Amino acid sequence: MMKGLNLPDHGVEIRHAAQGDLVFDPVRRRWVVLTPEEWVRQHVLNHLVHDLACPLSLIAVEHSLVLNRMVRRADIVVHGPGARPLLLVECKAPHVKLGMAVFEQAARYNTVFRVPFLLVTNGVDHSCCRIGTDGSITFLPSVPDWASMAKALPA
């Protein structure tokens, strides 16, 4: 059984298969291997959709990006109006501490996406910040809902 998380439990579909436990990803619309990081990612997705009103159709999971000529994948990217990137989420397994390396990874990915909001989480601890147009960083007590984040996009 996976570790309990500090996120609302909206139910995650799990099934047992010959290759191990699988979890249904509603964004990718397929069953994926249930790892500790995937457990966190699926709970974050549910939180974004059910609690923060992020439209499922505007969420990308394992969004590809090219950084220093290498292909990487951002865990979750929530898009705003006009499909502009709004929130970048970096998920780690519950046992991974949210140290400087995790923040630096998210910041590197954000040089490509240029979102106004970043969230790093291991499902237990979460850190969300707002990135100003001047590059300033303001840490927030929680992740704003989708409508509030969308208002932060430059015109």
C-alpha atoms as a PDB file:
ATOM      1  CA  MET A   1       0.000   0.000   0.000  1.00  0.00           C
ATOM      2  CA  MET A   2       1.207   3.482  -0.832  1.00  0.00           C
ATOM      3  CA  LYS A   3       1.953   6.060   1.831  1.00  0.00           C
ATOM      4  CA  GLY A   4      -0.772   8.454   2.969  1.00  0.00           C
ATOM      5  CA  LEU A   5      -0.351  11.936   1.544  1.00  0.00           C
ATOM      6  CA  ASN A   6      -1.110  15.466   2.663  1.00  0.00           C
ATOM      7  CA  LEU A   7      -3.566  15.912  -0.211  1.00  0.00           C
ATOM      8  CA  PRO A   8      -7.334  15.403  -0.426  1.00  0.00           C
ATOM      9  CA  ASP A   9      -8.293  11.847  -1.356  1.00  0.00           C
ATOM     10  CA  HIS A  10     -10.654  11.924  -4.322  1.00  0.00           C
ATOM     11  CA  GLY A  11     -10.039   8.294  -5.111  1.00  0.00           C
ATOM     12  CA  VAL A  12      -7.372   6.958  -7.399  1.00  0.00           C
ATOM     13  CA  GLU A  13      -8.239   3.980  -9.592  1.00  0.00           C
ATOM     14  CA  ILE A  14      -5.808   1.117  -8.994  1.00  0.00           C
ATOM     15  CA  ARG A  15      -5.781  -2.350 -10.476  1.00  0.00           C
ATOM     16  CA  HIS A  16      -3.498  -5.312 -10.044  1.00  0.00           C
ATOM     17  CA  ALA A  17      -1.849  -6.715 -13.153  1.00  0.00           C
ATOM     18  CA  ALA A  18       0.821  -9.275 -13.959  1.00  0.00           C
ATOM     19  CA  GLN A  19       3.437  -6.507 -14.274  1.00  0.00           C
ATOM     20  CA  GLY A  20       2.455  -5.016 -10.903  1.00  0.00           C
ATOM     21  CA  ASP A  21      -0.004  -2.425  -9.646  1.00  0.00           C
ATOM     22  CA  LEU A  22      -1.323   0.093 -12.147  1.00  0.00           C
ATOM     23  CA  VAL A  23      -3.080   3.419 -11.668  1.00  0.00           C
ATOM     24  CA  PHE A  24      -5.416   5.097 -14.142  1.00  0.00           C
ATOM     25  CA  ASP A  25      -4.229   8.490 -15.367  1.00  0.00           C
ATOM     26  CA  PRO A  26      -7.260  10.542 -16.494  1.00  0.00           C
ATOM     27  CA  VAL A  27      -5.081  12.980 -18.443  1.00  0.00           C
ATOM     28  CA  ARG A  28      -3.162  10.374 -20.445  1.00  0.00           C
ATOM     29  CA  ARG A  29      -6.290   8.167 -20.469  1.00  0.00           C
ATOM     30  CA  ARG A  30      -4.363   5.005 -19.781  1.00  0.00           C
ATOM     31  CA  TRP A  31      -3.145   2.744 -17.013  1.00  0.00           C
ATOM     32  CA  VAL A  32       0.412   3.446 -15.860  1.00  0.00           C
ATOM     33  CA  VAL A  33       2.734   1.652 -13.455  1.00  0.00           C
ATOM     34  CA  LEU A  34       2.071   2.700  -9.881  1.00  0.00           C
ATOM     35  CA  THR A  35       5.322   4.059  -8.464  1.00  0.00           C
ATOM     36  CA  PRO A  36       5.601   6.271  -5.373  1.00  0.00           C
ATOM     37  CA  GLU A  37       6.064   9.328  -7.630  1.00  0.00           C
ATOM     38  CA  GLU A  38       3.059   8.353  -9.755  1.00  0.00           C
ATOM     39  CA  TRP A  39       1.000   7.997  -6.559  1.00  0.00           C
ATOM     40  CA  VAL A  40       1.844  11.629  -5.753  1.00  0.00           C
ATOM     41  CA  ARG A  41       1.236  12.796  -9.335  1.00  0.00           C
ATOM     42  CA  GLN A  42      -2.239  11.234  -9.462  1.00  0.00           C
ATOM     43  CA  HIS A  43      -3.248  12.771  -6.131  1.00  0.00           C
ATOM     44  CA  VAL A  44      -1.979  16.186  -7.266  1.00  0.00           C
ATOM     45  CA  LEU A  45      -3.950  15.830 -10.517  1.00  0.00           C
ATOM     46  CA  ASN A  46      -7.111  15.055  -8.563  1.00  0.00           C
ATOM     47  CA  HIS A  47      -6.497  18.041  -6.285  1.00  0.00           C
ATOM     48  CA  LEU A  48      -5.989  20.344  -9.269  1.00  0.00           C
ATOM     49  CA  VAL A  49      -9.178  19.179 -10.991  1.00  0.00           C
ATOM     50  CA  HIS A  50     -11.541  18.607  -8.057  1.00  0.00           C
ATOM     51  CA  ASP A  51     -10.436  21.314  -5.607  1.00  0.00           C
ATOM     52  CA  LEU A  52      -8.844  24.025  -7.746  1.00  0.00           C
ATOM     53  CA  ALA A  53     -11.134  23.791 -10.808  1.00  0.00           C
ATOM     54  CA  CYS A  54      -8.334  23.228 -13.314  1.00  0.00           C
ATOM     55  CA  PRO A  55      -9.925  21.986 -16.549  1.00  0.00           C
ATOM     56  CA  LEU A  56      -8.723  18.440 -17.261  1.00  0.00           C
ATOM     57  CA  SER A  57      -8.429  19.346 -20.945  1.00  0.00           C
ATOM     58  CA  LEU A  58      -5.844  22.033 -20.083  1.00  0.00           C
ATOM     59  CA  ILE A  59      -3.541  19.737 -18.100  1.00  0.00           C
ATOM     60  CA  ALA A  60      -0.532  17.969 -19.592  1.00  0.00           C
ATOM     61  CA  VAL A  61       1.255  15.113 -17.814  1.00  0.00           C
ATOM     62  CA  GLU A  62       4.905  14.328 -18.549  1.00  0.00           C
ATOM     63  CA  HIS A  63       5.012  17.344 -20.858  1.00  0.00           C
ATOM     64  CA  SER A  64       8.131  17.137 -23.041  1.00  0.00           C
ATOM     65  CA  LEU A  65      10.570  20.004 -23.182  1.00  0.00           C
ATOM     66  CA  VAL A  66      14.047  20.506 -24.596  1.00  0.00           C
ATOM     67  CA  LEU A  67      16.612  21.904 -22.215  1.00  0.00           C
ATOM     68  CA  ASN A  68      20.252  22.247 -23.269  1.00  0.00           C
ATOM     69  CA  ARG A  69      19.482  20.039 -26.284  1.00  0.00           C
ATOM     70  CA  MET A  70      18.233  17.252 -24.032  1.00  0.00           C
ATOM     71  CA  VAL A  71      14.632  16.068 -23.872  1.00  0.00           C
ATOM     72  CA  ARG A  72      13.134  16.262 -20.390  1.00  0.00           C
ATOM     73  CA  ARG A  73       9.619  15.817 -19.045  1.00  0.00           C
ATOM     74  CA  ALA A  74       7.777  18.116 -16.686  1.00  0.00           C
ATOM     75  CA  ASP A  75       5.468  16.143 -14.389  1.00  0.00           C
ATOM     76  CA  ILE A  76       2.423  18.370 -14.785  1.00  0.00           C
ATOM     77  CA  VAL A  77       1.798  21.578 -16.709  1.00  0.00           C
ATOM     78  CA  VAL A  78      -1.538  23.333 -16.268  1.00  0.00           C
ATOM     79  CA  HIS A  79      -2.456  25.687 -19.072  1.00  0.00           C
ATOM     80  CA  GLY A  80      -4.526  28.830 -18.896  1.00  0.00           C
ATOM     81  CA  PRO A  81      -6.593  30.727 -21.428  1.00  0.00           C
ATOM     82  CA  GLY A  82      -5.198  30.438 -24.925  1.00  0.00           C
ATOM     83  CA  ALA A  83      -3.378  27.257 -23.815  1.00  0.00           C
ATOM     84  CA  ARG A  84      -0.586  29.351 -22.292  1.00  0.00           C
ATOM     85  CA  PRO A  85       1.406  27.534 -19.569  1.00  0.00           C
ATOM     86  CA  LEU A  86       0.174  28.629 -16.147  1.00  0.00           C
ATOM     87  CA  LEU A  87       1.438  26.215 -13.487  1.00  0.00           C
ATOM     88  CA  LEU A  88       4.412  23.858 -13.543  1.00  0.00           C
ATOM     89  CA  VAL A  89       4.300  21.009 -11.015  1.00  0.00           C
ATOM     90  CA  GLU A  90       7.304  18.901 -10.077  1.00  0.00           C
ATOM     91  CA  CYS A  91       6.313  15.738  -8.188  1.00  0.00           C
ATOM     92  CA  LYS A  92       8.650  13.615  -6.128  1.00  0.00           C
ATOM     93  CA  ALA A  93       8.090  10.408  -4.195  1.00  0.00           C
ATOM     94  CA  PRO A  94       6.994  10.913  -0.569  1.00  0.00           C
ATOM     95  CA  HIS A  95      10.406   9.898   0.813  1.00  0.00           C
ATOM     96  CA  VAL A  96      12.247  12.541  -1.285  1.00  0.00           C
ATOM     97  CA  LYS A  97      12.987  15.736   0.610  1.00  0.00           C
ATOM     98  CA  LEU A  98      12.124  18.979  -1.141  1.00  0.00           C
ATOM     99  CA  GLY A  99      15.616  20.412  -1.125  1.00  0.00           C
ATOM    100  CA  MET A 100      17.315  22.963  -3.321  1.00  0.00           C
ATOM    101  CA  ALA A 101      17.911  20.412  -6.121  1.00  0.00           C
ATOM    102  CA  VAL A 102      14.165  19.935  -6.594  1.00  0.00           C
ATOM    103  CA  PHE A 103      13.564  23.692  -6.763  1.00  0.00           C
ATOM    104  CA  GLU A 104      16.459  24.122  -9.181  1.00  0.00           C
ATOM    105  CA  GLN A 105      15.031  21.409 -11.440  1.00  0.00           C
ATOM    106  CA  ALA A 106      11.654  23.154 -11.535  1.00  0.00           C
ATOM    107  CA  ALA A 107      13.342  26.510 -12.150  1.00  0.00           C
ATOM    108  CA  ARG A 108      15.360  25.052 -15.059  1.00  0.00           C
ATOM    109  CA  TYR A 109      12.191  23.651 -16.610  1.00  0.00           C
ATOM    110  CA  ASN A 110      10.556  27.019 -16.157  1.00  0.00           C
ATOM    111  CA  THR A 111      13.172  28.673 -18.368  1.00  0.00           C
ATOM    112  CA  VAL A 112      11.272  26.874 -21.146  1.00  0.00           C
ATOM    113  CA  PHE A 113       7.654  27.195 -19.934  1.00  0.00           C
ATOM    114  CA  ARG A 114       7.837  30.624 -18.238  1.00  0.00           C
ATOM    115  CA  VAL A 115       4.843  29.982 -15.999  1.00  0.00           C
ATOM    116  CA  PRO A 116       3.757  32.429 -13.326  1.00  0.00           C
ATOM    117  CA  PHE A 117       3.270  29.608 -10.755  1.00  0.00           C
ATOM    118  CA  LEU A 118       5.507  26.741  -9.639  1.00  0.00           C
ATOM    119  CA  LEU A 119       4.607  23.895  -7.303  1.00  0.00           C
ATOM    120  CA  VAL A 120       7.014  21.297  -5.965  1.00  0.00           C
ATOM    121  CA  THR A 121       5.586  18.489  -3.890  1.00  0.00           C
ATOM    122  CA  ASN A 122       6.334  15.068  -2.514  1.00  0.00           C
ATOM    123  CA  GLY A 123       2.702  14.616  -1.564  1.00  0.00           C
ATOM    124  CA  VAL A 124       3.457  15.344   2.080  1.00  0.00           C
ATOM    125  CA  ASP A 125       5.205  18.706   1.828  1.00  0.00           C
ATOM    126  CA  HIS A 126       4.287  21.272  -0.814  1.00  0.00           C
ATOM    127  CA  SER A 127       5.837  24.545  -1.822  1.00  0.00           C
ATOM    128  CA  CYS A 128       4.104  26.882  -4.236  1.00  0.00           C
ATOM    129  CA  CYS A 129       5.405  30.193  -5.479  1.00  0.00           C
ATOM    130  CA  ARG A 130       4.366  33.003  -7.766  1.00  0.00           C
ATOM    131  CA  ILE A 131       6.985  34.224 -10.189  1.00  0.00           C
ATOM    132  CA  GLY A 132       6.646  37.876 -11.060  1.00  0.00           C
ATOM    133  CA  THR A 133       7.296  39.289 -14.509  1.00  0.00           C
ATOM    134  CA  ASP A 134      10.444  40.826 -13.007  1.00  0.00           C
ATOM    135  CA  GLY A 135      11.643  37.393 -11.839  1.00  0.00           C
ATOM    136  CA  SER A 136      10.710  37.981  -8.217  1.00  0.00           C
ATOM    137  CA  ILE A 137       9.569  34.923  -6.250  1.00  0.00           C
ATOM    138  CA  THR A 138       6.762  35.032  -3.698  1.00  0.00           C
ATOM    139  CA  PHE A 139       6.014  31.858  -1.743  1.00  0.00           C
ATOM    140  CA  LEU A 140       2.312  31.214  -1.260  1.00  0.00           C
ATOM    141  CA  PRO A 141       0.502  29.424   1.576  1.00  0.00           C
ATOM    142  CA  SER A 142      -1.338  27.217  -0.948  1.00  0.00           C
ATOM    143  CA  VAL A 143      -1.930  26.746  -4.655  1.00  0.00           C
ATOM    144  CA  PRO A 144      -4.463  29.263  -5.984  1.00  0.00           C
ATOM    145  CA  ASP A 145      -7.458  27.996  -7.914  1.00  0.00           C
ATOM    146  CA  TRP A 146      -7.314  27.959 -11.708  1.00  0.00           C
ATOM    147  CA  ALA A 147      -9.334  31.164 -12.199  1.00  0.00           C
ATOM    148  CA  SER A 148      -7.081  33.095  -9.804  1.00  0.00           C
ATOM    149  CA  MET A 149      -3.934  31.798 -11.496  1.00  0.00           C
ATOM    150  CA  ALA A 150      -5.336  32.615 -14.948  1.00  0.00           C
ATOM    151  CA  LYS A 151      -5.753  36.261 -13.913  1.00  0.00           C
ATOM    152  CA  ALA A 152      -1.983  36.406 -13.336  1.00  0.00           C
ATOM    153  CA  LEU A 153      -1.132  35.745 -16.995  1.00  0.00           C
ATOM    154  CA  PRO A 154       0.140  38.825 -18.779  1.00  0.00           C
ATOM    155  CA  ALA A 155      -2.297  40.260 -21.320  1.00  0.00           C
END
